[in-house]
Amino acid sequence: MLNIISGIISPNTGSVKVDDIEITNISQKDKDKFRLNNIGYIFQDFKLINEMTVQDNIKLLEIEDVDCSNIDNVLNRVGILSKKKQVISKLSGGEKQRVAVARALIKNPRIVIADEPTQNLNFEIGEDITKLITNKDVKSKIIVIMVTHDERLTKHFDVVIKLEDFLKGGK
């Protein structure tokens, strides 16, 4: 579902409209551009390059003209500024998770798609990361779509959809 919303894959039937933009029938190149310009995707498996540093994994976005000048601020906000020069392969799972969050947020996206963004974190850090992702103080509207098994985090969201209820025909 998250990959369909972000335009990574296309649905077999129907159409997808994201933030008033119909993305179903546009080219993959245009879907990729839409995702780059509008979506910060926090992947469950991180999608980091293990041989590169934390900083370099994020600065890869500069290839696509993403402004990464606030990298220190973003790394500080996720609690890993001290790991900036560390190679990804030397990080713990939780540290990699926070690099993935930083990479998604550095773009100041209109939409954040988060696939289990706290699964490798203890509850306290996971709570802080969820608060950061759902920052209610941001004046501009940001859409956050987060998949989680940790129901304690749902208090940070205005709308919560339980897949089990949806599959049973509920709301």
N, C-alpha and C. Protein backbone atom coordinates (compact mmCIF):
# COMPACT_ATOMS: atom_id res chain seq x y z
N MET A 1 0.81 -1.18 0.00
CA MET A 1 0.00 0.00 0.00
C MET A 1 0.87 1.26 0.00
N LEU A 2 1.89 1.30 0.85
CA LEU A 2 2.75 2.49 0.91
C LEU A 2 3.50 2.71 -0.41
N ASN A 3 3.93 1.62 -1.02
CA ASN A 3 4.62 1.73 -2.30
C ASN A 3 3.69 2.19 -3.41
N ILE A 4 2.43 1.86 -3.33
CA ILE A 4 1.45 2.34 -4.31
C ILE A 4 1.19 3.83 -4.10
N ILE A 5 0.99 4.23 -2.85
CA ILE A 5 0.75 5.65 -2.55
C ILE A 5 1.92 6.51 -3.01
N SER A 6 3.13 6.00 -2.85
CA SER A 6 4.32 6.79 -3.21
C SER A 6 4.69 6.69 -4.68
N GLY A 7 4.00 5.84 -5.43
CA GLY A 7 4.28 5.72 -6.86
C GLY A 7 5.43 4.79 -7.18
N ILE A 8 5.92 4.04 -6.21
CA ILE A 8 7.00 3.09 -6.49
C ILE A 8 6.46 1.95 -7.35
N ILE A 9 5.26 1.49 -7.02
CA ILE A 9 4.60 0.48 -7.85
C ILE A 9 3.20 0.98 -8.20
N SER A 10 2.62 0.40 -9.24
CA SER A 10 1.29 0.79 -9.68
C SER A 10 0.27 -0.26 -9.27
N PRO A 11 -0.95 0.17 -8.99
CA PRO A 11 -1.98 -0.81 -8.63
C PRO A 11 -2.41 -1.60 -9.86
N ASN A 12 -2.94 -2.79 -9.64
CA ASN A 12 -3.47 -3.61 -10.74
C ASN A 12 -4.74 -3.01 -11.32
N THR A 13 -5.55 -2.42 -10.46
CA THR A 13 -6.78 -1.78 -10.90
C THR A 13 -6.97 -0.49 -10.12
N GLY A 14 -7.85 0.36 -10.63
CA GLY A 14 -8.16 1.59 -9.93
C GLY A 14 -7.15 2.69 -10.21
N SER A 15 -7.24 3.74 -9.44
CA SER A 15 -6.32 4.86 -9.62
C SER A 15 -5.85 5.37 -8.27
N VAL A 16 -4.78 6.15 -8.30
CA VAL A 16 -4.20 6.70 -7.08
C VAL A 16 -4.08 8.20 -7.24
N LYS A 17 -4.67 8.91 -6.30
CA LYS A 17 -4.59 10.36 -6.27
C LYS A 17 -3.96 10.73 -4.94
N VAL A 18 -2.83 11.40 -4.99
CA VAL A 18 -2.10 11.76 -3.79
C VAL A 18 -1.99 13.27 -3.74
N ASP A 19 -2.52 13.84 -2.64
CA ASP A 19 -2.43 15.29 -2.45
C ASP A 19 -2.93 16.03 -3.70
N ASP A 20 -4.07 15.58 -4.21
CA ASP A 20 -4.73 16.16 -5.40
C ASP A 20 -3.96 15.95 -6.70
N ILE A 21 -3.03 15.05 -6.72
CA ILE A 21 -2.28 14.76 -7.95
C ILE A 21 -2.55 13.30 -8.35
N GLU A 22 -3.07 13.11 -9.55
CA GLU A 22 -3.33 11.77 -10.08
C GLU A 22 -1.99 11.20 -10.53
N ILE A 23 -1.55 10.12 -9.87
CA ILE A 23 -0.23 9.57 -10.21
C ILE A 23 -0.29 8.22 -10.91
N THR A 24 -1.48 7.67 -11.08
CA THR A 24 -1.59 6.32 -11.63
C THR A 24 -1.07 6.20 -13.05
N ASN A 25 -1.43 7.14 -13.89
CA ASN A 25 -1.13 7.00 -15.32
C ASN A 25 0.04 7.84 -15.80
N ILE A 26 0.82 8.41 -14.89
CA ILE A 26 2.00 9.16 -15.33
C ILE A 26 3.19 8.21 -15.45
N SER A 27 4.20 8.62 -16.15
CA SER A 27 5.38 7.77 -16.36
C SER A 27 6.09 7.51 -15.05
N GLN A 28 6.88 6.44 -15.01
CA GLN A 28 7.64 6.14 -13.80
C GLN A 28 8.60 7.27 -13.48
N LYS A 29 9.17 7.89 -14.48
CA LYS A 29 10.08 9.02 -14.27
C LYS A 29 9.33 10.16 -13.57
N ASP A 30 8.10 10.44 -13.98
CA ASP A 30 7.31 11.50 -13.35
C ASP A 30 6.88 11.09 -11.93
N LYS A 31 6.61 9.81 -11.72
CA LYS A 31 6.29 9.33 -10.37
C LYS A 31 7.51 9.51 -9.46
N ASP A 32 8.69 9.19 -9.99
CA ASP A 32 9.92 9.35 -9.20
C ASP A 32 10.14 10.82 -8.85
N LYS A 33 9.89 11.70 -9.82
CA LYS A 33 10.04 13.14 -9.58
C LYS A 33 9.02 13.61 -8.54
N PHE A 34 7.78 13.14 -8.66
CA PHE A 34 6.75 13.47 -7.67
C PHE A 34 7.20 13.04 -6.28
N ARG A 35 7.69 11.82 -6.16
CA ARG A 35 8.13 11.29 -4.87
C ARG A 35 9.29 12.12 -4.33
N LEU A 36 10.26 12.43 -5.17
CA LEU A 36 11.42 13.21 -4.74
C LEU A 36 11.00 14.58 -4.23
N ASN A 37 10.07 15.21 -4.92
CA ASN A 37 9.68 16.58 -4.59
C ASN A 37 8.64 16.70 -3.49
N ASN A 38 7.94 15.61 -3.19
CA ASN A 38 6.81 15.72 -2.26
C ASN A 38 6.83 14.75 -1.08
N ILE A 39 7.54 13.65 -1.21
CA ILE A 39 7.43 12.59 -0.21
C ILE A 39 8.77 12.31 0.47
N GLY A 40 8.72 12.23 1.78
CA GLY A 40 9.84 11.72 2.57
C GLY A 40 9.47 10.31 2.97
N TYR A 41 10.16 9.33 2.45
CA TYR A 41 9.81 7.92 2.68
C TYR A 41 10.80 7.32 3.68
N ILE A 42 10.28 6.83 4.79
CA ILE A 42 11.11 6.15 5.78
C ILE A 42 10.86 4.66 5.58
N PHE A 43 11.82 4.00 4.97
CA PHE A 43 11.68 2.58 4.63
C PHE A 43 11.93 1.70 5.84
N GLN A 44 11.20 0.62 5.92
CA GLN A 44 11.36 -0.33 7.02
C GLN A 44 12.77 -0.94 7.00
N ASP A 45 13.32 -1.17 5.82
CA ASP A 45 14.65 -1.77 5.72
C ASP A 45 15.73 -0.72 5.44
N PHE A 46 15.43 0.52 5.72
CA PHE A 46 16.34 1.67 5.70
C PHE A 46 16.74 2.16 4.31
N LYS A 47 17.10 1.27 3.39
CA LYS A 47 17.59 1.65 2.05
C LYS A 47 18.81 2.58 2.15
N LEU A 48 19.76 2.19 2.96
CA LEU A 48 21.01 2.94 3.13
C LEU A 48 22.15 2.19 2.46
N ILE A 49 23.19 2.91 2.09
CA ILE A 49 24.37 2.29 1.49
C ILE A 49 25.39 2.07 2.61
N ASN A 50 25.61 0.80 2.94
CA ASN A 50 26.41 0.42 4.11
C ASN A 50 27.85 0.92 4.09
N GLU A 51 28.43 1.07 2.91
CA GLU A 51 29.83 1.46 2.80
C GLU A 51 30.03 2.97 2.92
N MET A 52 28.95 3.72 2.93
CA MET A 52 29.03 5.18 3.00
C MET A 52 28.72 5.67 4.41
N THR A 53 29.13 6.91 4.69
CA THR A 53 28.86 7.49 6.00
C THR A 53 27.40 7.94 6.11
N VAL A 54 27.00 8.24 7.32
CA VAL A 54 25.67 8.79 7.58
C VAL A 54 25.47 10.04 6.72
N GLN A 55 26.42 10.94 6.82
CA GLN A 55 26.34 12.20 6.08
C GLN A 55 26.22 11.98 4.57
N ASP A 56 27.04 11.09 4.03
CA ASP A 56 27.03 10.84 2.60
C ASP A 56 25.74 10.17 2.13
N ASN A 57 25.15 9.31 2.96
CA ASN A 57 23.87 8.70 2.60
C ASN A 57 22.79 9.76 2.44
N ILE A 58 22.81 10.75 3.28
CA ILE A 58 21.82 11.82 3.19
C ILE A 58 22.16 12.78 2.06
N LYS A 59 23.42 13.11 1.92
CA LYS A 59 23.83 14.08 0.89
C LYS A 59 23.69 13.53 -0.53
N LEU A 60 23.45 12.23 -0.67
CA LEU A 60 23.14 11.69 -1.99
C LEU A 60 21.95 12.40 -2.62
N LEU A 61 21.06 12.91 -1.79
CA LEU A 61 19.89 13.63 -2.29
C LEU A 61 20.27 14.90 -3.05
N GLU A 62 21.46 15.41 -2.80
CA GLU A 62 21.91 16.62 -3.51
C GLU A 62 22.04 16.37 -5.02
N ILE A 63 22.22 15.12 -5.40
CA ILE A 63 22.26 14.78 -6.82
C ILE A 63 20.97 15.24 -7.50
N GLU A 64 19.87 15.18 -6.76
CA GLU A 64 18.56 15.58 -7.28
C GLU A 64 18.18 16.99 -6.82
N ASP A 65 19.19 17.81 -6.50
CA ASP A 65 18.98 19.21 -6.10
C ASP A 65 18.20 19.38 -4.80
N VAL A 66 18.28 18.42 -3.90
CA VAL A 66 17.69 18.58 -2.57
C VAL A 66 18.70 19.35 -1.71
N ASP A 67 18.23 20.38 -1.04
CA ASP A 67 19.08 21.19 -0.18
C ASP A 67 19.36 20.42 1.12
N CYS A 68 20.61 20.07 1.32
CA CYS A 68 21.00 19.32 2.52
C CYS A 68 21.84 20.18 3.47
N SER A 69 21.74 21.49 3.33
CA SER A 69 22.57 22.38 4.14
C SER A 69 22.23 22.33 5.63
N ASN A 70 21.04 21.86 5.97
CA ASN A 70 20.66 21.77 7.38
C ASN A 70 20.87 20.36 7.94
N ILE A 71 21.81 19.63 7.38
CA ILE A 71 22.03 18.24 7.79
C ILE A 71 22.36 18.11 9.27
N ASP A 72 23.20 19.01 9.80
CA ASP A 72 23.54 18.92 11.22
C ASP A 72 22.31 19.09 12.11
N ASN A 73 21.46 20.01 11.75
CA ASN A 73 20.24 20.24 12.51
C ASN A 73 19.34 19.00 12.50
N VAL A 74 19.16 18.42 11.33
CA VAL A 74 18.29 17.24 11.22
C VAL A 74 18.89 16.05 11.97
N LEU A 75 20.19 15.83 11.83
CA LEU A 75 20.84 14.73 12.56
C LEU A 75 20.75 14.96 14.07
N ASN A 76 20.86 16.19 14.50
CA ASN A 76 20.73 16.50 15.91
C ASN A 76 19.30 16.21 16.39
N ARG A 77 18.31 16.57 15.58
CA ARG A 77 16.92 16.34 15.95
C ARG A 77 16.59 14.86 16.12
N VAL A 78 17.27 13.99 15.35
CA VAL A 78 17.02 12.55 15.50
C VAL A 78 18.02 11.89 16.45
N GLY A 79 18.91 12.70 17.03
CA GLY A 79 19.80 12.21 18.07
C GLY A 79 21.04 11.47 17.61
N ILE A 80 21.51 11.73 16.38
CA ILE A 80 22.70 11.02 15.92
C ILE A 80 23.73 11.94 15.25
N LEU A 81 23.74 13.20 15.64
CA LEU A 81 24.73 14.12 15.07
C LEU A 81 26.15 13.61 15.30
N SER A 82 26.39 13.00 16.44
CA SER A 82 27.73 12.48 16.74
C SER A 82 28.15 11.34 15.81
N LYS A 83 27.20 10.75 15.09
CA LYS A 83 27.48 9.63 14.18
C LYS A 83 27.62 10.08 12.73
N LYS A 84 27.64 11.37 12.49
CA LYS A 84 27.63 11.93 11.14
C LYS A 84 28.70 11.35 10.22
N LYS A 85 29.89 11.11 10.71
CA LYS A 85 31.00 10.61 9.90
C LYS A 85 31.15 9.09 9.98
N GLN A 86 30.24 8.44 10.70
CA GLN A 86 30.30 6.99 10.89
C GLN A 86 29.80 6.27 9.63
N VAL A 87 30.44 5.17 9.29
CA VAL A 87 30.00 4.33 8.18
C VAL A 87 28.75 3.58 8.63
N ILE A 88 27.76 3.49 7.76
CA ILE A 88 26.47 2.87 8.08
C ILE A 88 26.63 1.45 8.63
N SER A 89 27.54 0.68 8.05
CA SER A 89 27.70 -0.72 8.48
C SER A 89 28.12 -0.84 9.95
N LYS A 90 28.63 0.22 10.54
CA LYS A 90 29.07 0.20 11.94
C LYS A 90 27.97 0.65 12.91
N LEU A 91 26.80 1.03 12.38
CA LEU A 91 25.72 1.53 13.23
C LEU A 91 24.81 0.40 13.71
N SER A 92 24.15 0.64 14.82
CA SER A 92 23.13 -0.30 15.30
C SER A 92 21.88 -0.15 14.45
N GLY A 93 20.95 -1.07 14.59
CA GLY A 93 19.69 -0.99 13.85
C GLY A 93 18.92 0.28 14.18
N GLY A 94 18.91 0.68 15.44
CA GLY A 94 18.22 1.90 15.84
C GLY A 94 18.87 3.14 15.25
N GLU A 95 20.19 3.16 15.18
CA GLU A 95 20.88 4.30 14.58
C GLU A 95 20.60 4.38 13.08
N LYS A 96 20.58 3.23 12.42
CA LYS A 96 20.24 3.21 11.00
C LYS A 96 18.81 3.72 10.79
N GLN A 97 17.92 3.33 11.69
CA GLN A 97 16.53 3.79 11.61
C GLN A 97 16.48 5.31 11.67
N ARG A 98 17.27 5.90 12.56
CA ARG A 98 17.26 7.36 12.70
C ARG A 98 17.91 8.05 11.50
N VAL A 99 18.88 7.41 10.85
CA VAL A 99 19.44 7.97 9.61
C VAL A 99 18.35 7.99 8.54
N ALA A 100 17.58 6.92 8.46
CA ALA A 100 16.49 6.85 7.47
C ALA A 100 15.46 7.95 7.73
N VAL A 101 15.17 8.22 8.99
CA VAL A 101 14.24 9.29 9.34
C VAL A 101 14.83 10.64 8.94
N ALA A 102 16.10 10.86 9.25
CA ALA A 102 16.75 12.12 8.90
C ALA A 102 16.74 12.34 7.40
N ARG A 103 17.02 11.30 6.64
CA ARG A 103 17.05 11.41 5.18
C ARG A 103 15.67 11.81 4.65
N ALA A 104 14.63 11.26 5.23
CA ALA A 104 13.27 11.61 4.78
C ALA A 104 12.91 13.04 5.16
N LEU A 105 13.31 13.48 6.35
CA LEU A 105 12.89 14.79 6.83
C LEU A 105 13.72 15.94 6.27
N ILE A 106 14.93 15.67 5.81
CA ILE A 106 15.79 16.75 5.32
C ILE A 106 15.16 17.48 4.14
N LYS A 107 14.28 16.81 3.45
CA LYS A 107 13.63 17.40 2.27
C LYS A 107 12.47 18.32 2.62
N ASN A 108 12.09 18.38 3.90
CA ASN A 108 10.90 19.11 4.31
C ASN A 108 9.70 18.71 3.44
N PRO A 109 9.40 17.43 3.42
CA PRO A 109 8.36 16.94 2.51
C PRO A 109 6.96 17.37 2.93
N ARG A 110 6.05 17.40 1.97
CA ARG A 110 4.64 17.64 2.26
C ARG A 110 3.99 16.38 2.79
N ILE A 111 4.54 15.23 2.41
CA ILE A 111 4.00 13.94 2.80
C ILE A 111 5.14 13.09 3.37
N VAL A 112 4.92 12.50 4.52
CA VAL A 112 5.87 11.54 5.08
C VAL A 112 5.20 10.18 5.09
N ILE A 113 5.85 9.22 4.46
CA ILE A 113 5.39 7.84 4.49
C ILE A 113 6.40 7.07 5.34
N ALA A 114 5.89 6.46 6.41
CA ALA A 114 6.77 5.82 7.37
C ALA A 114 6.35 4.37 7.58
N ASP A 115 7.21 3.46 7.18
CA ASP A 115 6.94 2.03 7.30
C ASP A 115 7.69 1.50 8.52
N GLU A 116 6.96 1.35 9.62
CA GLU A 116 7.54 0.86 10.88
C GLU A 116 8.78 1.67 11.27
N PRO A 117 8.67 3.00 11.35
CA PRO A 117 9.86 3.82 11.60
C PRO A 117 10.43 3.72 13.00
N THR A 118 9.74 3.02 13.90
CA THR A 118 10.23 2.91 15.27
C THR A 118 10.53 1.47 15.68
N GLN A 119 10.48 0.53 14.76
CA GLN A 119 10.61 -0.88 15.12
C GLN A 119 11.97 -1.22 15.72
N ASN A 120 13.01 -0.48 15.39
CA ASN A 120 14.35 -0.77 15.91
C ASN A 120 14.74 0.14 17.07
N LEU A 121 13.76 0.86 17.59
CA LEU A 121 14.03 1.84 18.64
C LEU A 121 13.33 1.43 19.93
N ASN A 122 13.92 1.82 21.07
CA ASN A 122 13.19 1.60 22.31
C ASN A 122 12.00 2.55 22.33
N PHE A 123 11.05 2.33 23.23
CA PHE A 123 9.81 3.10 23.18
C PHE A 123 10.05 4.59 23.34
N GLU A 124 10.92 4.98 24.25
CA GLU A 124 11.16 6.41 24.49
C GLU A 124 11.68 7.12 23.24
N ILE A 125 12.67 6.53 22.60
CA ILE A 125 13.22 7.13 21.38
C ILE A 125 12.18 7.06 20.26
N GLY A 126 11.45 5.95 20.18
CA GLY A 126 10.39 5.81 19.19
C GLY A 126 9.32 6.88 19.35
N GLU A 127 8.98 7.17 20.58
CA GLU A 127 8.00 8.22 20.88
C GLU A 127 8.54 9.58 20.41
N ASP A 128 9.81 9.86 20.70
CA ASP A 128 10.42 11.12 20.27
C ASP A 128 10.44 11.24 18.74
N ILE A 129 10.79 10.15 18.07
CA ILE A 129 10.84 10.16 16.60
C ILE A 129 9.43 10.35 16.03
N THR A 130 8.44 9.70 16.62
CA THR A 130 7.06 9.87 16.16
C THR A 130 6.61 11.31 16.35
N LYS A 131 6.94 11.91 17.48
CA LYS A 131 6.61 13.33 17.70
C LYS A 131 7.29 14.21 16.66
N LEU A 132 8.52 13.89 16.33
CA LEU A 132 9.26 14.66 15.33
C LEU A 132 8.59 14.53 13.95
N ILE A 133 8.24 13.32 13.58
CA ILE A 133 7.62 13.08 12.27
C ILE A 133 6.27 13.79 12.18
N THR A 134 5.49 13.75 13.26
CA THR A 134 4.13 14.30 13.24
C THR A 134 4.09 15.72 13.78
N ASN A 135 5.19 16.39 13.81
CA ASN A 135 5.34 17.72 14.40
C ASN A 135 4.09 18.58 14.22
N LYS A 136 3.31 18.68 15.28
CA LYS A 136 2.07 19.46 15.25
C LYS A 136 2.34 20.96 15.23
N ASP A 137 3.59 21.36 15.54
CA ASP A 137 3.93 22.78 15.55
C ASP A 137 4.21 23.33 14.16
N VAL A 138 4.36 22.44 13.19
CA VAL A 138 4.62 22.89 11.82
C VAL A 138 3.37 23.59 11.31
N LYS A 139 3.55 24.81 10.82
CA LYS A 139 2.40 25.60 10.38
C LYS A 139 1.80 25.07 9.09
N SER A 140 2.63 24.56 8.21
CA SER A 140 2.09 24.03 6.96
C SER A 140 1.54 22.64 7.23
N LYS A 141 0.53 22.30 6.48
CA LYS A 141 -0.08 20.98 6.63
C LYS A 141 0.88 19.94 6.09
N ILE A 142 1.13 18.93 6.88
CA ILE A 142 1.94 17.80 6.44
C ILE A 142 1.09 16.55 6.62
N ILE A 143 1.15 15.70 5.64
CA ILE A 143 0.42 14.44 5.68
C ILE A 143 1.41 13.37 6.13
N VAL A 144 1.05 12.63 7.16
CA VAL A 144 1.90 11.54 7.65
C VAL A 144 1.10 10.25 7.56
N ILE A 145 1.65 9.30 6.82
CA ILE A 145 1.05 7.97 6.73
C ILE A 145 2.07 7.02 7.35
N MET A 146 1.70 6.45 8.48
CA MET A 146 2.64 5.61 9.21
C MET A 146 2.01 4.25 9.48
N VAL A 147 2.77 3.22 9.18
CA VAL A 147 2.38 1.86 9.53
C VAL A 147 3.17 1.49 10.78
N THR A 148 2.46 1.01 11.80
CA THR A 148 3.13 0.60 13.03
C THR A 148 2.35 -0.52 13.71
N HIS A 149 3.06 -1.33 14.44
CA HIS A 149 2.42 -2.34 15.29
C HIS A 149 2.30 -1.83 16.73
N ASP A 150 2.91 -0.68 17.01
CA ASP A 150 2.93 -0.14 18.37
C ASP A 150 1.75 0.82 18.57
N GLU A 151 0.67 0.30 19.11
CA GLU A 151 -0.55 1.10 19.29
C GLU A 151 -0.34 2.28 20.23
N ARG A 152 0.70 2.26 21.05
CA ARG A 152 0.95 3.39 21.96
C ARG A 152 1.27 4.66 21.19
N LEU A 153 1.72 4.52 19.94
CA LEU A 153 2.09 5.70 19.14
C LEU A 153 0.91 6.35 18.44
N THR A 154 -0.22 5.66 18.40
CA THR A 154 -1.37 6.18 17.65
C THR A 154 -1.92 7.48 18.24
N LYS A 155 -1.62 7.79 19.47
CA LYS A 155 -2.12 9.02 20.09
C LYS A 155 -1.58 10.27 19.39
N HIS A 156 -0.55 10.13 18.58
CA HIS A 156 0.04 11.27 17.88
C HIS A 156 -0.65 11.57 16.55
N PHE A 157 -1.65 10.79 16.20
CA PHE A 157 -2.30 10.92 14.89
C PHE A 157 -3.75 11.33 15.04
N ASP A 158 -4.22 12.13 14.09
CA ASP A 158 -5.62 12.56 14.09
C ASP A 158 -6.54 11.45 13.60
N VAL A 159 -6.07 10.64 12.67
CA VAL A 159 -6.86 9.54 12.13
C VAL A 159 -6.04 8.26 12.26
N VAL A 160 -6.67 7.24 12.80
CA VAL A 160 -6.02 5.93 12.95
C VAL A 160 -6.91 4.89 12.30
N ILE A 161 -6.35 4.15 11.38
CA ILE A 161 -7.08 3.08 10.72
C ILE A 161 -6.41 1.76 11.09
N LYS A 162 -7.17 0.90 11.72
CA LYS A 162 -6.67 -0.43 12.06
C LYS A 162 -6.99 -1.34 10.89
N LEU A 163 -5.99 -1.92 10.30
CA LEU A 163 -6.18 -2.78 9.15
C LEU A 163 -7.14 -3.91 9.44
N GLU A 164 -7.05 -4.48 10.63
CA GLU A 164 -7.94 -5.59 11.00
C GLU A 164 -9.40 -5.16 10.97
N ASP A 165 -9.71 -3.93 11.41
CA ASP A 165 -11.08 -3.43 11.36
C ASP A 165 -11.51 -3.16 9.93
N PHE A 166 -10.59 -2.62 9.14
CA PHE A 166 -10.89 -2.32 7.73
C PHE A 166 -11.21 -3.59 6.97
N LEU A 167 -10.45 -4.64 7.22
CA LEU A 167 -10.66 -5.91 6.52
C LEU A 167 -11.98 -6.56 6.94
N LYS A 168 -12.46 -6.25 8.15
CA LYS A 168 -13.74 -6.78 8.62
C LYS A 168 -14.91 -5.93 8.15
N GLY A 169 -14.62 -4.85 7.42
CA GLY A 169 -15.70 -3.98 6.92
C GLY A 169 -16.02 -2.84 7.85
N GLY A 170 -15.23 -2.65 8.90
CA GLY A 170 -15.46 -1.55 9.83
C GLY A 170 -14.77 -0.29 9.41
N LYS A 171 -14.79 0.70 10.27
CA LYS A 171 -14.13 1.98 9.98
C LYS A 171 -13.04 2.26 10.98
